[in-house]
Each structure stands twice: as structure tokens, then as C-alpha cells.
Amino acid sequence: MILLLESLHAEAEALLAQAGDLLRAADPNQPPAELARVRAILTRGRGEIREALLARCPALKVIARAGAGLDNLDTAAAARRGIAVVYAPGANTNTVAEHTLGLMLDLARGISRDARSVAAGRWDERARYSGDELGGLTLGIVGFGSIGKRVAQLAEAFGMRVIVAAHGGNEGPPLRELLAACDIVTLHVPLTSATRGMIGATELACMKRGARLVNTARGALIDMQALRAALASGALAGFAADVLDAEPPVAGEPLLGLPNVLITPHVASLTAATYRALCLSTAANVVRVLRGEPPEPRSLLRTSQAHPGRG
């Protein structure tokens, strides 16, 4: 039996169904009561696979996330129990990088803002237009994995100067030094115990006045109270994100009413091609594990990689 905490692409579900009966959770974090026969658990971004759930599945062989991040999986607990962890690193590289550049362009040029003005009959607001070109601006990248590297390539094509922060073995200036030097800063690090809240009041105060911040990684990388204060004071000129620390945002979230804030609903990886590809690759590797076959090497989290901060 295979437990789906969230739906997957139809082709991926059909592939899984060939390896066992599918059991669907009505809610991503409220799995069914009877789990004794579950051999695999799959999730996307909302359903959490923690040690308490693992303990309820004595026949469990593999857990998987159809995505690149692992913060909603307890990888350390899985390693202790000898349960394989499958994910899809790199599958969303291009689409998330493109979304990141789209948010940068919108922040700098005010595209959404001006489109709303025209729709509301305020064409004359063009007389008060204010916007920047990306060319000539300095972009700071925090996290230089596959997505960060692709963002750098796209940004350089726009004529931006790119600086990469020293993080995770990357050479570059320390974070606070980078924040002080950049017109736009974009985050591309995984959420771990070390990175949670890494952009707080002190870091925001280091940023150039008038700088903008973009986050397509994980919402909890940013201290949201400090972010709201920086935007309210005008110290930060704009913020754009595809992720929040609480998703969906609570009613009355102050950020949603600000003209210099852009929030998209965690859709950067949901283009049709990428969604299909990451769901299919994850399903195929889960099936391989269940059949006693080795999955694609890059899709299998090694025991030495398991990080308690990601669970």
C-alpha cells in the first residue's frame, strides 16, 4: 500500500498504482488511522512526514517528496529506521529561477502595479511612473546551488552584476557585507536549523536603503515581523516572494496590502512540464525502491546527508 499525503500528477499516480494500492489522506497532515500495510509515503510541499508518522507504519520502506526541499521530511528519523528517502533535486531549477527573475522584474518595473492602474482607468498615472531597469543593478545571491546558479546566469543576461554570499562552502563575502552592497537580494538556501530566521532585523538593517528582497526558497528564512517593520519604515523598498512562513497567509496579513509587495501562492514549480517531470521521477524512484531496485543515485538521500534541521 502507498500513502499519498497530497495528490500527484495523474501519470505519476498511475505509475504508483502498478506497485500497490493507493491510500489517500483527506488532509495532508491527517493520514488515515490504519497504516500497518503502508510501504511508501509520498508528499509534495504541505504534507509533513515526521517520526510519529513513521512509527505508525511498520512496513514502511521509503518516503518521498515530489520536490527539491526536504524540510517537511524527518530525514534523520528515516535514517535511524533504515527508511529510504527519495526526492527530486534539480527538477525545478529552471522554473524557479525564471519565477525569481519574474518577481525581480515586477518589483523593479512595477508591472503588476501599472497593469492594475490601467485596468482601473488610471492611465494618467504614467506621468508619475517610477521604475528601475535590472541592467546595471547589483544582485546578491544567498545560496548557490542549482537554482542560485541559474538565477545568476539569467541575471547576467539582463546586465546585472552578481555577487554570491559565502554560504555552504561557497566563496564570497559574508552575508551582512553582501546585503550592504546589493540593490536586490534573492534567497536560495534550504530551510535548516541554521538558516531559519537568517534574515532578521540586524540583517535587514544592513541592506542598502531602497534595496529589494526576493524569496523563492522557504518563508521561514525571514523573520516576518522584522520584514514588516523594514517595509513600513521605508528602509526596504520592496519585497517579493513565492513562499511565506505561514501558507496560506492569515487573514489581515499586513504585507498583502502594501503596494511594494508581491506574493505568489507557492507556484514557482507548478508549470505543467516541471510538475509532471518531478512527480513522475519521484514516483518512478519510489517504485524502484519497492521492487528492490536502486533508484537514480541523485534522487536518493544518503544517510550521511540526513540533517535534523530539515525534519
Protein backbone atom coordinates (compact mmCIF):
# COMPACT_ATOMS: atom_id res chain seq x y z
CA MET A 1 0.00 0.00 0.00
CA ILE A 2 1.20 3.51 -0.89
CA LEU A 3 0.05 6.54 1.09
CA LEU A 4 -0.37 9.85 -0.76
CA LEU A 5 -0.49 12.80 1.61
CA GLU A 6 -1.13 15.05 -1.41
CA SER A 7 -2.20 14.40 -4.98
CA LEU A 8 0.42 13.97 -7.70
CA HIS A 9 0.30 14.25 -11.47
CA ALA A 10 -2.17 11.68 -12.84
CA GLU A 11 0.57 9.84 -14.73
CA ALA A 12 2.65 9.54 -11.57
CA GLU A 13 -0.30 8.18 -9.60
CA ALA A 14 -0.96 5.63 -12.35
CA LEU A 15 2.68 4.51 -12.16
CA LEU A 16 2.46 4.11 -8.38
CA ALA A 17 -0.78 2.18 -8.66
CA GLN A 18 1.11 -0.53 -10.56
CA ALA A 19 3.22 -1.10 -7.44
CA GLY A 20 0.45 -1.13 -4.83
CA ASP A 21 -2.94 0.12 -3.77
CA LEU A 22 -3.10 3.88 -3.26
CA LEU A 23 -4.30 5.25 0.06
CA ARG A 24 -5.18 8.95 0.04
CA ALA A 25 -5.15 11.31 3.00
CA ALA A 26 -8.19 13.58 3.21
CA ASP A 27 -5.90 16.23 4.70
CA PRO A 28 -2.12 16.39 4.07
CA ASN A 29 -1.38 16.17 7.78
CA GLN A 30 -4.19 13.87 8.89
CA PRO A 31 -3.37 10.44 7.46
CA PRO A 32 -5.85 7.55 7.78
CA ALA A 33 -5.93 5.59 11.01
CA GLU A 34 -4.88 2.22 9.60
CA LEU A 35 -1.33 2.35 8.26
CA ALA A 36 0.07 -1.10 9.05
CA ARG A 37 0.34 -2.08 5.37
CA VAL A 38 1.83 1.19 4.11
CA ARG A 39 5.18 0.62 2.37
CA ALA A 40 5.69 4.09 0.90
CA ILE A 41 4.59 7.63 1.73
CA LEU A 42 4.70 10.49 -0.80
CA THR A 43 4.11 14.17 -0.29
CA ARG A 44 4.67 17.48 -2.05
CA GLY A 45 5.10 20.65 0.00
CA ARG A 46 2.32 20.63 2.61
CA GLY A 47 2.19 17.12 3.97
CA GLU A 48 4.75 16.51 6.71
CA ILE A 49 6.40 13.16 7.26
CA ARG A 50 7.61 13.17 10.87
CA GLU A 51 8.83 10.44 13.20
CA ALA A 52 5.37 9.96 14.74
CA LEU A 53 4.01 9.03 11.31
CA LEU A 54 6.96 6.74 10.58
CA ALA A 55 6.32 4.90 13.83
CA ARG A 56 2.76 4.10 12.72
CA CYS A 57 3.98 2.36 9.54
CA PRO A 58 5.87 -0.85 10.47
CA ALA A 59 6.10 -1.99 6.85
CA LEU A 60 7.47 1.33 5.57
CA LYS A 61 10.33 1.11 3.08
CA VAL A 62 10.54 4.60 1.54
CA ILE A 63 9.32 8.16 2.00
CA ALA A 64 9.42 10.71 -0.79
CA ARG A 65 8.87 14.33 -1.62
CA ALA A 66 7.95 15.36 -5.16
CA GLY A 67 10.20 18.38 -4.95
CA ALA A 68 13.70 19.51 -4.06
CA GLY A 69 13.43 20.70 -0.44
CA LEU A 70 13.33 18.28 2.48
CA ASP A 71 12.26 20.45 5.40
CA ASN A 72 8.86 18.71 5.64
CA LEU A 73 10.51 15.28 5.96
CA ASP A 74 12.22 13.99 9.11
CA THR A 75 15.23 12.66 7.28
CA ALA A 76 17.18 11.93 10.46
CA ALA A 77 14.37 9.74 11.82
CA ALA A 78 14.13 7.95 8.48
CA ALA A 79 17.87 7.27 8.54
CA ARG A 80 17.64 5.83 12.07
CA ARG A 81 14.85 3.48 10.95
CA GLY A 82 16.57 2.44 7.72
CA ILE A 83 13.87 4.02 5.57
CA ALA A 84 14.96 5.31 2.16
CA VAL A 85 14.35 8.99 1.36
CA VAL A 86 13.62 9.93 -2.25
CA TYR A 87 13.28 13.44 -3.65
CA ALA A 88 13.77 15.37 -6.90
CA PRO A 89 16.76 17.71 -6.63
CA GLY A 90 17.28 19.87 -9.68
CA ALA A 91 13.90 19.11 -11.24
CA ASN A 92 12.59 22.61 -10.57
CA THR A 93 15.81 24.54 -11.22
CA ASN A 94 14.83 26.41 -14.36
CA THR A 95 11.23 27.16 -13.48
CA VAL A 96 12.04 28.54 -10.01
CA ALA A 97 14.89 30.61 -11.45
CA GLU A 98 12.57 32.06 -14.10
CA HIS A 99 9.95 32.86 -11.46
CA THR A 100 12.62 34.59 -9.39
CA LEU A 101 13.60 36.81 -12.32
CA GLY A 102 9.93 37.50 -12.99
CA LEU A 103 9.46 38.74 -9.43
CA MET A 104 12.60 40.88 -9.72
CA LEU A 105 11.37 42.44 -12.95
CA ASP A 106 7.95 43.15 -11.47
CA LEU A 107 9.44 44.72 -8.34
CA ALA A 108 11.83 46.88 -10.32
CA ARG A 109 9.47 47.94 -13.10
CA GLY A 110 6.14 47.95 -11.27
CA ILE A 111 4.48 45.83 -13.95
CA SER A 112 1.63 44.46 -11.82
CA ARG A 113 1.06 47.82 -10.18
CA ASP A 114 0.78 49.63 -13.50
CA ALA A 115 -1.43 46.94 -15.04
CA ARG A 116 -3.85 47.37 -12.12
CA SER A 117 -3.84 51.12 -12.66
CA VAL A 118 -4.76 50.75 -16.34
CA ALA A 119 -7.50 48.23 -15.50
CA ALA A 120 -8.92 50.74 -13.03
CA GLY A 121 -8.94 53.51 -15.65
CA ARG A 122 -5.92 55.39 -14.29
CA TRP A 123 -3.82 55.61 -17.48
CA ASP A 124 -2.61 59.07 -16.43
CA GLU A 125 -0.54 57.52 -13.63
CA ARG A 126 2.15 57.03 -16.28
CA ALA A 127 3.06 60.67 -15.60
CA ARG A 128 4.22 59.56 -12.15
CA TYR A 129 5.95 56.39 -13.31
CA SER A 130 8.95 55.25 -11.31
CA GLY A 131 10.85 52.08 -12.07
CA ASP A 132 14.31 50.61 -12.45
CA GLU A 133 15.92 48.54 -15.15
CA LEU A 134 17.61 45.39 -13.94
CA GLY A 135 20.65 46.14 -16.09
CA GLY A 136 23.28 47.87 -14.02
CA LEU A 137 21.85 46.79 -10.66
CA THR A 138 23.81 44.60 -8.27
CA LEU A 139 22.17 41.29 -7.36
CA GLY A 140 23.14 39.40 -4.23
CA ILE A 141 22.51 35.65 -4.26
CA VAL A 142 22.33 33.80 -0.95
CA GLY A 143 22.59 30.08 -1.69
CA PHE A 144 24.42 28.95 -4.81
CA GLY A 145 23.02 25.54 -5.61
CA SER A 146 21.45 24.70 -8.95
CA ILE A 147 18.72 27.35 -8.65
CA GLY A 148 21.09 30.06 -7.43
CA LYS A 149 23.47 29.33 -10.29
CA ARG A 150 20.67 29.52 -12.87
CA VAL A 151 19.43 32.80 -11.39
CA ALA A 152 22.96 34.16 -11.75
CA GLN A 153 23.04 33.19 -15.44
CA LEU A 154 19.69 34.85 -16.15
CA ALA A 155 20.59 37.96 -14.15
CA GLU A 156 23.88 38.38 -16.00
CA ALA A 157 21.96 38.13 -19.29
CA PHE A 158 19.98 41.17 -18.11
CA GLY A 159 23.23 43.02 -17.44
CA MET A 160 23.20 42.72 -13.66
CA ARG A 161 26.34 42.50 -11.57
CA VAL A 162 26.10 39.32 -9.46
CA ILE A 163 27.62 38.75 -6.02
CA VAL A 164 27.30 35.39 -4.23
CA ALA A 165 27.36 35.20 -0.44
CA ALA A 166 29.73 32.90 1.40
CA HIS A 167 27.44 30.05 2.40
CA GLY A 168 27.66 26.27 2.42
CA GLY A 169 31.24 26.23 1.18
CA ASN A 170 30.78 28.92 -1.48
CA GLU A 171 33.43 31.60 -1.64
CA GLY A 172 32.22 35.17 -1.39
CA PRO A 173 31.60 37.99 1.04
CA PRO A 174 29.90 37.35 4.39
CA LEU A 175 26.13 37.74 4.37
CA ARG A 176 25.96 41.16 6.00
CA GLU A 177 28.65 42.54 3.71
CA LEU A 178 26.71 41.28 0.68
CA LEU A 179 23.45 42.78 1.99
CA ALA A 180 25.09 46.20 2.26
CA ALA A 181 26.37 46.08 -1.33
CA CYS A 182 23.32 44.92 -3.29
CA ASP A 183 20.29 46.54 -4.88
CA ILE A 184 18.36 43.26 -4.91
CA VAL A 185 18.95 40.20 -2.73
CA THR A 186 17.48 36.79 -3.54
CA LEU A 187 17.39 33.74 -1.24
CA HIS A 188 18.06 30.18 -2.43
CA VAL A 189 19.13 28.21 0.65
CA PRO A 190 17.35 25.19 2.17
CA LEU A 191 15.49 25.61 5.43
CA THR A 192 17.53 24.11 8.25
CA SER A 193 18.03 24.89 11.91
CA ALA A 194 20.97 27.08 10.85
CA THR A 195 19.10 29.06 8.18
CA ARG A 196 15.74 29.54 9.90
CA GLY A 197 15.32 33.29 10.51
CA MET A 198 18.68 34.06 8.87
CA ILE A 199 17.28 37.37 7.59
CA GLY A 200 16.27 39.21 10.72
CA ALA A 201 16.21 42.80 11.96
CA THR A 202 20.00 43.05 12.06
CA GLU A 203 20.41 41.73 8.52
CA LEU A 204 17.62 43.91 7.14
CA ALA A 205 19.27 46.93 8.74
CA CYS A 206 22.45 46.09 6.82
CA MET A 207 20.71 46.37 3.45
CA LYS A 208 21.06 49.47 1.31
CA ARG A 209 18.17 51.86 1.77
CA GLY A 210 15.94 51.34 -1.24
CA ALA A 211 17.06 47.74 -1.79
CA ARG A 212 14.61 44.92 -2.53
CA LEU A 213 14.38 41.38 -1.21
CA VAL A 214 13.16 38.29 -3.10
CA ASN A 215 12.45 34.86 -1.62
CA THR A 216 11.52 31.78 -3.65
CA ALA A 217 13.13 29.30 -1.23
CA ARG A 218 11.36 28.97 2.14
CA GLY A 219 9.31 31.54 4.03
CA ALA A 220 10.83 30.79 7.42
CA LEU A 221 14.25 32.02 6.25
CA ILE A 222 12.98 35.51 7.05
CA ASP A 223 11.87 36.96 10.39
CA MET A 224 8.48 38.20 9.18
CA GLN A 225 7.99 40.71 11.98
CA ALA A 226 11.33 42.33 11.15
CA LEU A 227 10.42 42.30 7.45
CA ARG A 228 7.11 44.07 8.08
CA ALA A 229 8.92 46.71 10.12
CA ALA A 230 11.57 47.29 7.45
CA LEU A 231 8.92 47.75 4.77
CA ALA A 232 6.80 50.01 6.96
CA SER A 233 9.77 52.27 7.72
CA GLY A 234 10.76 52.54 4.06
CA ALA A 235 14.20 51.08 4.75
CA LEU A 236 13.33 48.23 2.38
CA ALA A 237 11.88 49.41 -0.92
CA GLY A 238 10.15 46.18 -1.88
CA PHE A 239 9.64 42.51 -1.18
CA ALA A 240 8.56 39.68 -3.47
CA ALA A 241 8.07 36.03 -2.57
CA ASP A 242 6.56 32.76 -3.69
CA VAL A 243 6.77 31.39 -0.14
CA LEU A 244 5.67 32.51 3.32
CA ASP A 245 6.29 31.20 6.81
CA ALA A 246 2.53 30.53 7.08
CA GLU A 247 0.78 29.31 3.94
CA PRO A 248 -1.79 30.45 3.08
CA PRO A 249 -1.29 33.79 4.88
CA VAL A 250 -3.58 34.53 7.79
CA ALA A 251 -6.47 36.93 7.27
CA GLY A 252 -5.33 40.51 7.65
CA GLU A 253 -1.66 39.83 6.90
CA PRO A 254 -0.24 43.39 6.61
CA LEU A 255 2.10 42.50 3.73
CA LEU A 256 -0.80 41.81 1.40
CA GLY A 257 -1.98 45.39 1.47
CA LEU A 258 1.35 47.02 0.62
CA PRO A 259 1.87 48.37 -2.92
CA ASN A 260 5.56 47.39 -2.90
CA VAL A 261 4.96 43.73 -2.01
CA LEU A 262 4.33 40.86 -4.43
CA ILE A 263 3.25 37.46 -3.12
CA THR A 264 2.53 34.48 -5.38
CA PRO A 265 0.94 31.30 -3.94
CA HIS A 266 3.93 28.90 -3.98
CA VAL A 267 3.56 28.22 -7.69
CA ALA A 268 7.13 28.62 -8.97
CA SER A 269 7.47 24.86 -9.55
CA LEU A 270 3.96 24.28 -10.85
CA THR A 271 4.45 24.87 -14.54
CA ALA A 272 2.90 21.95 -16.40
CA ALA A 273 6.18 20.49 -17.66
CA THR A 274 8.05 20.73 -14.37
CA TYR A 275 5.18 19.46 -12.22
CA ARG A 276 4.79 16.40 -14.45
CA ALA A 277 8.52 15.74 -14.56
CA LEU A 278 9.16 15.96 -10.83
CA CYS A 279 6.07 13.87 -9.95
CA LEU A 280 6.97 11.18 -12.50
CA SER A 281 10.63 10.99 -11.50
CA THR A 282 9.73 10.76 -7.80
CA ALA A 283 7.10 8.07 -8.42
CA ALA A 284 9.45 6.06 -10.62
CA ASN A 285 12.17 6.07 -7.98
CA VAL A 286 9.74 5.07 -5.22
CA VAL A 287 8.61 2.14 -7.37
CA ARG A 288 12.23 1.10 -7.88
CA VAL A 289 12.83 1.05 -4.11
CA LEU A 290 9.67 -1.01 -3.53
CA ARG A 291 10.83 -3.52 -6.15
CA GLY A 292 14.22 -3.83 -4.50
CA GLU A 293 15.94 -1.96 -7.32
CA PRO A 294 18.30 1.01 -6.90
CA PRO A 295 16.73 4.41 -7.65
CA GLU A 296 18.51 7.07 -9.65
CA PRO A 297 21.53 7.95 -7.47
CA ARG A 298 20.81 11.68 -7.34
CA SER A 299 17.25 11.10 -6.13
CA LEU A 300 18.24 9.08 -3.05
CA LEU A 301 19.21 10.97 0.09
CA ARG A 302 22.32 9.37 1.56
CA THR A 303 22.36 8.62 5.28
CA SER A 304 25.30 11.00 5.73
CA GLN A 305 23.23 13.79 4.20
CA ALA A 306 20.34 13.50 6.66
CA HIS A 307 20.09 16.75 8.60
CA PRO A 308 17.84 17.03 11.64
CA GLY A 309 17.16 20.66 10.80
CA ARG A 310 15.35 19.55 7.66
CA GLY A 311 12.91 17.42 9.57
